[in-house]
Protein backbone atom coordinates (compact mmCIF):
# COMPACT_ATOMS: atom_id res chain seq x y z
CA MET A 1 29.33 3.70 1.42
CA ARG A 2 27.17 5.20 4.64
CA LYS A 3 24.67 3.03 6.36
CA ARG A 4 21.80 4.58 7.57
CA ARG A 5 20.01 3.01 10.79
CA VAL A 6 16.53 2.24 10.57
CA SER A 7 15.78 4.79 13.14
CA VAL A 8 16.46 7.69 11.61
CA ILE A 9 14.38 10.09 9.10
CA PRO A 10 15.56 12.57 5.83
CA GLU A 11 16.33 15.89 7.37
CA ALA A 12 13.83 17.29 4.48
CA LEU A 13 11.90 14.49 4.71
CA ARG A 14 11.31 15.36 8.39
CA ARG A 15 11.03 18.80 7.91
CA HIS A 16 8.59 19.00 4.73
CA ASN A 17 6.56 16.52 7.38
CA GLU A 18 6.48 18.86 10.19
CA GLU A 19 6.02 22.26 8.22
CA GLN A 20 2.56 20.20 6.42
CA GLN A 21 1.45 17.34 9.48
CA ARG A 22 -0.57 15.76 6.88
CA ASP A 23 -1.02 12.62 6.93
CA PRO A 24 -1.16 11.33 3.03
CA GLU A 25 -4.12 8.81 3.81
CA MET A 26 -6.20 12.14 4.98
CA VAL A 27 -5.25 14.48 2.49
CA LEU A 28 -6.04 11.60 -0.06
CA GLN A 29 -9.68 10.80 1.60
CA ASP A 30 -10.13 14.98 1.85
CA VAL A 31 -9.94 15.87 -2.05
CA ARG A 32 -11.17 11.77 -2.78
CA TRP A 33 -13.83 13.34 -5.21
CA GLN A 34 -11.24 15.17 -7.27
CA VAL A 35 -8.30 12.66 -7.58
CA ARG A 36 -8.11 10.79 -10.58
CA VAL A 37 -4.68 9.55 -9.97
CA VAL A 38 -2.52 8.93 -7.87
CA VAL A 39 1.41 8.41 -8.85
CA LEU A 40 3.90 7.14 -5.88
CA TRP A 41 7.91 7.68 -5.85
CA ARG A 42 10.22 6.51 -3.45
CA GLN A 43 13.76 8.49 -2.41
CA ARG A 44 16.69 7.09 -3.03
CA ASP A 45 19.08 5.75 -0.05
CA GLU A 46 22.58 6.88 -1.29
CA ASP A 47 21.22 10.25 -3.01
CA SER A 48 17.91 11.63 -0.40
CA GLU A 49 17.86 14.95 -3.33
CA GLN A 50 16.85 12.24 -6.28
CA TRP A 51 13.63 10.93 -5.80
CA VAL A 52 12.22 7.35 -8.44
CA TYR A 53 9.10 6.62 -10.10
CA LEU A 54 7.31 3.88 -8.90
CA GLU A 55 3.56 3.34 -10.21
CA ARG A 56 0.20 5.31 -10.55
CA MET A 57 -2.65 4.29 -9.45
CA ARG A 58 -5.96 4.98 -8.90
CA PRO A 59 -6.85 6.48 -5.37
CA GLU A 60 -9.40 3.66 -3.82
CA GLU A 61 -6.40 1.45 -4.67
CA PHE A 62 -3.78 3.54 -2.38
CA SER A 63 -2.46 3.13 1.22
CA TYR A 64 0.77 2.46 3.76
CA GLU A 65 -0.16 -1.17 3.11
CA THR A 66 -0.54 -0.93 -0.16
CA VAL A 67 3.33 0.42 -0.21
CA LYS A 68 4.32 -1.76 2.40
CA GLN A 69 3.54 -4.51 0.74
CA ARG A 70 4.32 -3.76 -2.98
CA TRP A 71 7.98 -1.47 -2.51
CA GLY A 72 9.38 -1.74 1.22
CA GLY A 73 10.53 0.37 3.38
CA GLY A 74 11.72 3.50 2.52
CA ALA A 75 10.74 7.86 2.48
CA TYR A 76 8.15 7.77 0.00
CA ARG A 77 5.83 10.85 -1.50
CA ILE A 78 2.95 11.62 -3.55
CA ARG A 79 1.24 13.38 -5.96
CA LEU A 80 -2.94 13.39 -6.48
CA PHE A 81 -3.39 14.34 -9.95
CA GLY A 82 -7.69 15.04 -10.91
CA SER A 83 -9.22 14.84 -14.74
CA TRP A 84 -8.08 15.27 -18.11
CA ASP A 85 -7.21 19.05 -18.61
CA PRO A 86 -7.17 19.86 -22.66
CA SER A 87 -5.95 23.05 -22.49
CA ARG A 88 -3.09 21.86 -21.02
CA ARG A 89 -2.50 18.69 -22.43
CA GLN A 90 -2.00 17.15 -18.44
CA GLU A 91 -3.97 16.10 -15.58
CA LYS A 92 -4.17 18.77 -13.40
CA TYR A 93 -1.94 18.88 -10.26
CA ILE A 94 -3.49 19.16 -6.82
CA THR A 95 -1.39 18.44 -4.43
CA GLN A 96 2.08 15.77 -2.86
CA VAL A 97 2.39 14.37 0.06
CA ALA A 98 5.39 12.88 1.32
CA PHE A 99 5.50 9.66 4.21
CA TRP A 100 7.54 7.85 5.85
CA ILE A 101 6.78 3.53 6.08
CA TRP A 102 9.57 1.95 8.67
CA ARG A 103 13.08 0.41 7.02
CA GLY A 104 12.15 -2.66 9.18
CA PHE A 105 9.78 -3.44 5.67
CA PRO A 106 12.66 -4.31 3.78
CA PRO A 107 12.92 -3.45 -0.02
CA THR A 108 10.79 -5.94 -2.41
CA ALA A 109 12.38 -7.39 -5.83
CA PRO A 110 10.46 -4.95 -7.98
CA LEU A 111 11.24 -2.11 -6.00
CA ARG A 112 15.10 -3.50 -6.17
CA ALA A 113 14.94 -3.03 -9.77
CA ARG A 114 13.57 -0.22 -10.41
CA LEU A 115 16.50 1.64 -7.46
CA ARG A 116 18.94 -0.06 -9.29
CA ASP A 117 17.68 0.48 -13.13
CA ALA A 118 17.85 4.75 -11.50
CA ALA A 119 21.27 3.96 -10.92
CA THR A 120 21.76 3.59 -14.50
CA ARG A 121 20.37 5.68 -15.60
CA ALA A 122 21.75 8.18 -13.75
CA SER A 123 25.43 7.19 -14.18
CA THR A 124 25.77 6.54 -18.11
CA PRO A 125 26.77 10.19 -19.57
CA ALA A 126 23.97 11.73 -21.98
C-alpha cells in the first residue's frame, strides 16, 4: 500500500479548491438562511475516487473544529441541502464545498469503523 505524505493534498481536491476558492464556513454563512441540512463526506485514503458518507448535521453544528474533533484529518466535502421539495420527494440541493483538514489529526474510532465498513462493502461481490 502506498504511504501518503502528510503535506500532500490529493490532486483532484487541490484543483477543485483552486477552481472554487471557497471556504466551507464562509459559503455556509452566505447561504445559511437557505440551508436545512449539511451532509459530510470524507475521501477514502486508499481510493481518491471513493467518498464515504459520515453524517448529516444542522448548519449551526458545522465547523472545521467539529469535523476535526468527530472525525480527524483528511479530505472532506460538505453538501448543502435546503427545504424538502414534495414534488421531487427530496431536499433541494444547494451546493457542495471540498476542504482539507491536516492529516496530523489522527482518524477517530468512529471514522476508522466507517472506513472499514465501506471497504468491506466495496470488496464483497453484489
